[in-house]
Amino acid sequence: MEGELQRIVGANIRQLRKRRGMSQEQFADTVGVHRTYLGGVERGERNLSLQSIERIAEGADVSPFELLQRPGPD
């Protein structure tokens, strides 16, 4: 399914952010991206490069592979 990986990564990032009790703005500042960019990522609208996935994972102190796996229940 086209765009499925984008939606998986976005859902994982949203879940990670919510588990930490952070707003999009707070989380975006933590991982070093703009809030509107993060919103697009969470909605599965952004086609992230591997470098972007790596940068977000590093900023969130998680493995990039964790962002690529199907999300579990909230």
PDB file of N, CA and C in Angstrom:
ATOM      1  N   MET A   1       0.844  -1.179   0.000  1.00  0.00           N
ATOM      2  CA  MET A   1       0.000   0.000   0.000  1.00  0.00           C
ATOM      3  C   MET A   1       0.892   1.247   0.000  1.00  0.00           C
ATOM      4  N   GLU A   2       0.643   2.119  -0.923  1.00  0.00           N
ATOM      5  CA  GLU A   2       1.467   3.322  -1.067  1.00  0.00           C
ATOM      6  C   GLU A   2       1.306   4.249   0.123  1.00  0.00           C
ATOM      7  N   GLY A   3       2.435   4.706   0.644  1.00  0.00           N
ATOM      8  CA  GLY A   3       2.429   5.633   1.766  1.00  0.00           C
ATOM      9  C   GLY A   3       2.242   4.971   3.119  1.00  0.00           C
ATOM     10  N   GLU A   4       2.147   3.650   3.142  1.00  0.00           N
ATOM     11  CA  GLU A   4       1.911   2.957   4.411  1.00  0.00           C
ATOM     12  C   GLU A   4       3.048   3.191   5.403  1.00  0.00           C
ATOM     13  N   LEU A   5       4.276   3.142   4.944  1.00  0.00           N
ATOM     14  CA  LEU A   5       5.413   3.347   5.840  1.00  0.00           C
ATOM     15  C   LEU A   5       5.406   4.762   6.419  1.00  0.00           C
ATOM     16  N   GLN A   6       5.017   5.741   5.615  1.00  0.00           N
ATOM     17  CA  GLN A   6       4.916   7.118   6.111  1.00  0.00           C
ATOM     18  C   GLN A   6       3.918   7.185   7.261  1.00  0.00           C
ATOM     19  N   ARG A   7       2.785   6.515   7.105  1.00  0.00           N
ATOM     20  CA  ARG A   7       1.757   6.528   8.154  1.00  0.00           C
ATOM     21  C   ARG A   7       2.229   5.778   9.397  1.00  0.00           C
ATOM     22  N   ILE A   8       2.964   4.683   9.209  1.00  0.00           N
ATOM     23  CA  ILE A   8       3.500   3.925  10.351  1.00  0.00           C
ATOM     24  C   ILE A   8       4.473   4.792  11.144  1.00  0.00           C
ATOM     25  N   VAL A   9       5.406   5.437  10.445  1.00  0.00           N
ATOM     26  CA  VAL A   9       6.380   6.299  11.122  1.00  0.00           C
ATOM     27  C   VAL A   9       5.669   7.435  11.837  1.00  0.00           C
ATOM     28  N   GLY A  10       4.711   8.055  11.182  1.00  0.00           N
ATOM     29  CA  GLY A  10       3.963   9.145  11.803  1.00  0.00           C
ATOM     30  C   GLY A  10       3.213   8.707  13.048  1.00  0.00           C
ATOM     31  N   ALA A  11       2.569   7.544  12.968  1.00  0.00           N
ATOM     32  CA  ALA A  11       1.832   7.027  14.129  1.00  0.00           C
ATOM     33  C   ALA A  11       2.780   6.709  15.275  1.00  0.00           C
ATOM     34  N   ASN A  12       3.947   6.171  14.970  1.00  0.00           N
ATOM     35  CA  ASN A  12       4.928   5.859  16.010  1.00  0.00           C
ATOM     36  C   ASN A  12       5.452   7.123  16.677  1.00  0.00           C
ATOM     37  N   ILE A  13       5.696   8.141  15.881  1.00  0.00           N
ATOM     38  CA  ILE A  13       6.186   9.403  16.438  1.00  0.00           C
ATOM     39  C   ILE A  13       5.109  10.036  17.311  1.00  0.00           C
ATOM     40  N   ARG A  14       3.860  10.039  16.839  1.00  0.00           N
ATOM     41  CA  ARG A  14       2.763  10.602  17.632  1.00  0.00           C
ATOM     42  C   ARG A  14       2.619   9.837  18.952  1.00  0.00           C
ATOM     43  N   GLN A  15       2.665   8.519  18.887  1.00  0.00           N
ATOM     44  CA  GLN A  15       2.535   7.694  20.088  1.00  0.00           C
ATOM     45  C   GLN A  15       3.682   7.976  21.068  1.00  0.00           C
ATOM     46  N   LEU A  16       4.889   8.071  20.550  1.00  0.00           N
ATOM     47  CA  LEU A  16       6.057   8.370  21.376  1.00  0.00           C
ATOM     48  C   LEU A  16       5.907   9.734  22.052  1.00  0.00           C
ATOM     49  N   ARG A  17       5.490  10.719  21.286  1.00  0.00           N
ATOM     50  CA  ARG A  17       5.304  12.079  21.812  1.00  0.00           C
ATOM     51  C   ARG A  17       4.240  12.097  22.902  1.00  0.00           C
ATOM     52  N   LYS A  18       3.123  11.439  22.651  1.00  0.00           N
ATOM     53  CA  LYS A  18       2.034  11.429  23.637  1.00  0.00           C
ATOM     54  C   LYS A  18       2.418  10.683  24.901  1.00  0.00           C
ATOM     55  N   ARG A  19       3.171   9.586  24.767  1.00  0.00           N
ATOM     56  CA  ARG A  19       3.639   8.853  25.951  1.00  0.00           C
ATOM     57  C   ARG A  19       4.498   9.747  26.836  1.00  0.00           C
ATOM     58  N   ARG A  20       5.192  10.675  26.214  1.00  0.00           N
ATOM     59  CA  ARG A  20       6.054  11.597  26.969  1.00  0.00           C
ATOM     60  C   ARG A  20       5.289  12.821  27.469  1.00  0.00           C
ATOM     61  N   GLY A  21       4.013  12.912  27.099  1.00  0.00           N
ATOM     62  CA  GLY A  21       3.193  14.029  27.559  1.00  0.00           C
ATOM     63  C   GLY A  21       3.615  15.357  26.977  1.00  0.00           C
ATOM     64  N   MET A  22       4.080  15.348  25.734  1.00  0.00           N
ATOM     65  CA  MET A  22       4.604  16.564  25.114  1.00  0.00           C
ATOM     66  C   MET A  22       3.672  17.048  24.008  1.00  0.00           C
ATOM     67  N   SER A  23       3.623  18.364  23.840  1.00  0.00           N
ATOM     68  CA  SER A  23       2.914  18.954  22.706  1.00  0.00           C
ATOM     69  C   SER A  23       3.761  18.753  21.453  1.00  0.00           C
ATOM     70  N   GLN A  24       3.145  18.973  20.300  1.00  0.00           N
ATOM     71  CA  GLN A  24       3.924  18.892  19.055  1.00  0.00           C
ATOM     72  C   GLN A  24       5.062  19.897  19.079  1.00  0.00           C
ATOM     73  N   GLU A  25       4.791  21.084  19.588  1.00  0.00           N
ATOM     74  CA  GLU A  25       5.818  22.119  19.622  1.00  0.00           C
ATOM     75  C   GLU A  25       6.982  21.711  20.523  1.00  0.00           C
ATOM     76  N   GLN A  26       6.677  21.193  21.703  1.00  0.00           N
ATOM     77  CA  GLN A  26       7.732  20.752  22.622  1.00  0.00           C
ATOM     78  C   GLN A  26       8.557  19.627  22.010  1.00  0.00           C
ATOM     79  N   PHE A  27       7.872  18.653  21.430  1.00  0.00           N
ATOM     80  CA  PHE A  27       8.576  17.513  20.853  1.00  0.00           C
ATOM     81  C   PHE A  27       9.409  17.945  19.648  1.00  0.00           C
ATOM     82  N   ALA A  28       8.844  18.822  18.817  1.00  0.00           N
ATOM     83  CA  ALA A  28       9.573  19.325  17.649  1.00  0.00           C
ATOM     84  C   ALA A  28      10.862  20.018  18.084  1.00  0.00           C
ATOM     85  N   ASP A  29      10.785  20.822  19.137  1.00  0.00           N
ATOM     86  CA  ASP A  29      11.985  21.487  19.654  1.00  0.00           C
ATOM     87  C   ASP A  29      13.003  20.461  20.148  1.00  0.00           C
ATOM     88  N   THR A  30      12.521  19.424  20.810  1.00  0.00           N
ATOM     89  CA  THR A  30      13.405  18.382  21.347  1.00  0.00           C
ATOM     90  C   THR A  30      14.159  17.644  20.247  1.00  0.00           C
ATOM     91  N   VAL A  31      13.451  17.331  19.150  1.00  0.00           N
ATOM     92  CA  VAL A  31      14.089  16.549  18.083  1.00  0.00           C
ATOM     93  C   VAL A  31      14.689  17.422  16.985  1.00  0.00           C
ATOM     94  N   GLY A  32      14.500  18.742  17.074  1.00  0.00           N
ATOM     95  CA  GLY A  32      15.154  19.658  16.140  1.00  0.00           C
ATOM     96  C   GLY A  32      14.474  19.839  14.802  1.00  0.00           C
ATOM     97  N   VAL A  33      13.124  19.807  14.800  1.00  0.00           N
ATOM     98  CA  VAL A  33      12.373  20.074  13.569  1.00  0.00           C
ATOM     99  C   VAL A  33      11.318  21.132  13.865  1.00  0.00           C
ATOM    100  N   HIS A  34      10.718  21.686  12.833  1.00  0.00           N
ATOM    101  CA  HIS A  34       9.663  22.689  13.004  1.00  0.00           C
ATOM    102  C   HIS A  34       8.350  21.990  13.352  1.00  0.00           C
ATOM    103  N   ARG A  35       7.510  22.643  14.145  1.00  0.00           N
ATOM    104  CA  ARG A  35       6.245  22.056  14.584  1.00  0.00           C
ATOM    105  C   ARG A  35       5.341  21.674  13.420  1.00  0.00           C
ATOM    106  N   THR A  36       5.260  22.515  12.389  1.00  0.00           N
ATOM    107  CA  THR A  36       4.389  22.195  11.258  1.00  0.00           C
ATOM    108  C   THR A  36       4.913  20.999  10.482  1.00  0.00           C
ATOM    109  N   TYR A  37       6.228  20.863  10.420  1.00  0.00           N
ATOM    110  CA  TYR A  37       6.829  19.689   9.774  1.00  0.00           C
ATOM    111  C   TYR A  37       6.466  18.438  10.566  1.00  0.00           C
ATOM    112  N   LEU A  38       6.596  18.503  11.887  1.00  0.00           N
ATOM    113  CA  LEU A  38       6.261  17.365  12.733  1.00  0.00           C
ATOM    114  C   LEU A  38       4.794  16.986  12.574  1.00  0.00           C
ATOM    115  N   GLY A  39       3.915  17.971  12.488  1.00  0.00           N
ATOM    116  CA  GLY A  39       2.495  17.692  12.286  1.00  0.00           C
ATOM    117  C   GLY A  39       2.260  16.923  10.995  1.00  0.00           C
ATOM    118  N   GLY A  40       2.933  17.326   9.928  1.00  0.00           N
ATOM    119  CA  GLY A  40       2.821  16.620   8.652  1.00  0.00           C
ATOM    120  C   GLY A  40       3.356  15.205   8.727  1.00  0.00           C
ATOM    121  N   VAL A  41       4.428  15.027   9.474  1.00  0.00           N
ATOM    122  CA  VAL A  41       5.005  13.693   9.662  1.00  0.00           C
ATOM    123  C   VAL A  41       4.004  12.821  10.411  1.00  0.00           C
ATOM    124  N   GLU A  42       3.447  13.335  11.490  1.00  0.00           N
ATOM    125  CA  GLU A  42       2.500  12.555  12.294  1.00  0.00           C
ATOM    126  C   GLU A  42       1.258  12.167  11.502  1.00  0.00           C
ATOM    127  N   ARG A  43       0.840  13.003  10.574  1.00  0.00           N
ATOM    128  CA  ARG A  43      -0.334  12.702   9.749  1.00  0.00           C
ATOM    129  C   ARG A  43       0.007  11.806   8.559  1.00  0.00           C
ATOM    130  N   GLY A  44       1.289  11.481   8.386  1.00  0.00           N
ATOM    131  CA  GLY A  44       1.702  10.634   7.274  1.00  0.00           C
ATOM    132  C   GLY A  44       1.751  11.361   5.946  1.00  0.00           C
ATOM    133  N   GLU A  45       1.842  12.682   5.994  1.00  0.00           N
ATOM    134  CA  GLU A  45       1.855  13.493   4.781  1.00  0.00           C
ATOM    135  C   GLU A  45       3.269  13.770   4.262  1.00  0.00           C
ATOM    136  N   ARG A  46       4.256  13.595   5.113  1.00  0.00           N
ATOM    137  CA  ARG A  46       5.635  13.899   4.746  1.00  0.00           C
ATOM    138  C   ARG A  46       6.377  12.628   4.360  1.00  0.00           C
ATOM    139  N   ASN A  47       7.128  12.705   3.286  1.00  0.00           N
ATOM    140  CA  ASN A  47       7.960  11.594   2.853  1.00  0.00           C
ATOM    141  C   ASN A  47       9.351  11.817   3.448  1.00  0.00           C
ATOM    142  N   LEU A  48       9.584  11.204   4.587  1.00  0.00           N
ATOM    143  CA  LEU A  48      10.839  11.419   5.306  1.00  0.00           C
ATOM    144  C   LEU A  48      12.006  10.708   4.636  1.00  0.00           C
ATOM    145  N   SER A  49      13.142  11.364   4.667  1.00  0.00           N
ATOM    146  CA  SER A  49      14.369  10.701   4.235  1.00  0.00           C
ATOM    147  C   SER A  49      14.864   9.839   5.395  1.00  0.00           C
ATOM    148  N   LEU A  50      15.750   8.930   5.091  1.00  0.00           N
ATOM    149  CA  LEU A  50      16.346   8.120   6.151  1.00  0.00           C
ATOM    150  C   LEU A  50      17.103   9.005   7.133  1.00  0.00           C
ATOM    151  N   GLN A  51      17.713  10.058   6.639  1.00  0.00           N
ATOM    152  CA  GLN A  51      18.428  10.992   7.519  1.00  0.00           C
ATOM    153  C   GLN A  51      17.457  11.671   8.482  1.00  0.00           C
ATOM    154  N   SER A  52      16.277  12.028   8.004  1.00  0.00           N
ATOM    155  CA  SER A  52      15.284  12.662   8.877  1.00  0.00           C
ATOM    156  C   SER A  52      14.804  11.691   9.949  1.00  0.00           C
ATOM    157  N   ILE A  53      14.556  10.451   9.564  1.00  0.00           N
ATOM    158  CA  ILE A  53      14.145   9.433  10.533  1.00  0.00           C
ATOM    159  C   ILE A  53      15.235   9.262  11.581  1.00  0.00           C
ATOM    160  N   GLU A  54      16.464   9.198  11.126  1.00  0.00           N
ATOM    161  CA  GLU A  54      17.590   9.043  12.040  1.00  0.00           C
ATOM    162  C   GLU A  54      17.710  10.240  12.989  1.00  0.00           C
ATOM    163  N   ARG A  55      17.549  11.447  12.465  1.00  0.00           N
ATOM    164  CA  ARG A  55      17.657  12.663  13.281  1.00  0.00           C
ATOM    165  C   ARG A  55      16.545  12.719  14.331  1.00  0.00           C
ATOM    166  N   ILE A  56      15.314  12.398  13.928  1.00  0.00           N
ATOM    167  CA  ILE A  56      14.194  12.408  14.871  1.00  0.00           C
ATOM    168  C   ILE A  56      14.402  11.339  15.935  1.00  0.00           C
ATOM    169  N   ALA A  57      14.817  10.152  15.525  1.00  0.00           N
ATOM    170  CA  ALA A  57      15.060   9.067  16.485  1.00  0.00           C
ATOM    171  C   ALA A  57      16.150   9.459  17.473  1.00  0.00           C
ATOM    172  N   GLU A  58      17.218  10.037  16.970  1.00  0.00           N
ATOM    173  CA  GLU A  58      18.320  10.454  17.843  1.00  0.00           C
ATOM    174  C   GLU A  58      17.848  11.506  18.841  1.00  0.00           C
ATOM    175  N   GLY A  59      17.090  12.480  18.366  1.00  0.00           N
ATOM    176  CA  GLY A  59      16.578  13.528  19.244  1.00  0.00           C
ATOM    177  C   GLY A  59      15.610  12.996  20.292  1.00  0.00           C
ATOM    178  N   ALA A  60      14.888  11.923  19.937  1.00  0.00           N
ATOM    179  CA  ALA A  60      13.931  11.315  20.863  1.00  0.00           C
ATOM    180  C   ALA A  60      14.565  10.211  21.694  1.00  0.00           C
ATOM    181  N   ASP A  61      15.834   9.926  21.442  1.00  0.00           N
ATOM    182  CA  ASP A  61      16.581   8.899  22.163  1.00  0.00           C
ATOM    183  C   ASP A  61      15.943   7.516  22.018  1.00  0.00           C
ATOM    184  N   VAL A  62      15.574   7.188  20.760  1.00  0.00           N
ATOM    185  CA  VAL A  62      15.066   5.863  20.429  1.00  0.00           C
ATOM    186  C   VAL A  62      15.803   5.357  19.193  1.00  0.00           C
ATOM    187  N   SER A  63      15.659   4.094  18.913  1.00  0.00           N
ATOM    188  CA  SER A  63      16.254   3.509  17.719  1.00  0.00           C
ATOM    189  C   SER A  63      15.441   3.908  16.489  1.00  0.00           C
ATOM    190  N   PRO A  64      16.097   4.195  15.368  1.00  0.00           N
ATOM    191  CA  PRO A  64      15.340   4.462  14.143  1.00  0.00           C
ATOM    192  C   PRO A  64      14.422   3.288  13.786  1.00  0.00           C
ATOM    193  N   PHE A  65      14.841   2.091  14.117  1.00  0.00           N
ATOM    194  CA  PHE A  65      14.041   0.906  13.811  1.00  0.00           C
ATOM    195  C   PHE A  65      12.717   0.910  14.584  1.00  0.00           C
ATOM    196  N   GLU A  66      12.715   1.504  15.768  1.00  0.00           N
ATOM    197  CA  GLU A  66      11.490   1.603  16.558  1.00  0.00           C
ATOM    198  C   GLU A  66      10.452   2.456  15.837  1.00  0.00           C
ATOM    199  N   LEU A  67      10.911   3.443  15.094  1.00  0.00           N
ATOM    200  CA  LEU A  67       9.995   4.314  14.358  1.00  0.00           C
ATOM    201  C   LEU A  67       9.428   3.639  13.115  1.00  0.00           C
ATOM    202  N   LEU A  68      10.091   2.595  12.621  1.00  0.00           N
ATOM    203  CA  LEU A  68       9.676   1.934  11.401  1.00  0.00           C
ATOM    204  C   LEU A  68       8.764   0.730  11.617  1.00  0.00           C
ATOM    205  N   GLN A  69       8.641   0.298  12.862  1.00  0.00           N
ATOM    206  CA  GLN A  69       7.805  -0.873  13.160  1.00  0.00           C
ATOM    207  C   GLN A  69       6.351  -0.464  13.291  1.00  0.00           C
ATOM    208  N   ARG A  70       5.455  -1.409  12.972  1.00  0.00           N
ATOM    209  CA  ARG A  70       4.034  -1.144  13.163  1.00  0.00           C
ATOM    210  C   ARG A  70       3.764  -0.781  14.612  1.00  0.00           C
ATOM    211  N   PRO A  71       2.963   0.272  14.842  1.00  0.00           N
ATOM    212  CA  PRO A  71       2.732   0.691  16.233  1.00  0.00           C
ATOM    213  C   PRO A  71       1.837  -0.287  16.979  1.00  0.00           C
ATOM    214  N   GLY A  72       2.073  -0.340  18.280  1.00  0.00           N
ATOM    215  CA  GLY A  72       1.216  -1.110  19.147  1.00  0.00           C
ATOM    216  C   GLY A  72       0.017  -0.281  19.537  1.00  0.00           C
ATOM    217  N   PRO A  73      -0.880  -0.825  20.339  1.00  0.00           N
ATOM    218  CA  PRO A  73      -2.037  -0.050  20.782  1.00  0.00           C
ATOM    219  C   PRO A  73      -1.615   1.091  21.707  1.00  0.00           C
ATOM    220  N   ASP A  74      -2.377   2.177  21.683  1.00  0.00           N
ATOM    221  CA  ASP A  74      -2.077   3.347  22.545  1.00  0.00           C
ATOM    222  C   ASP A  74      -2.168   3.028  24.003  1.00  0.00           C
TER     223      ASP A  74
END
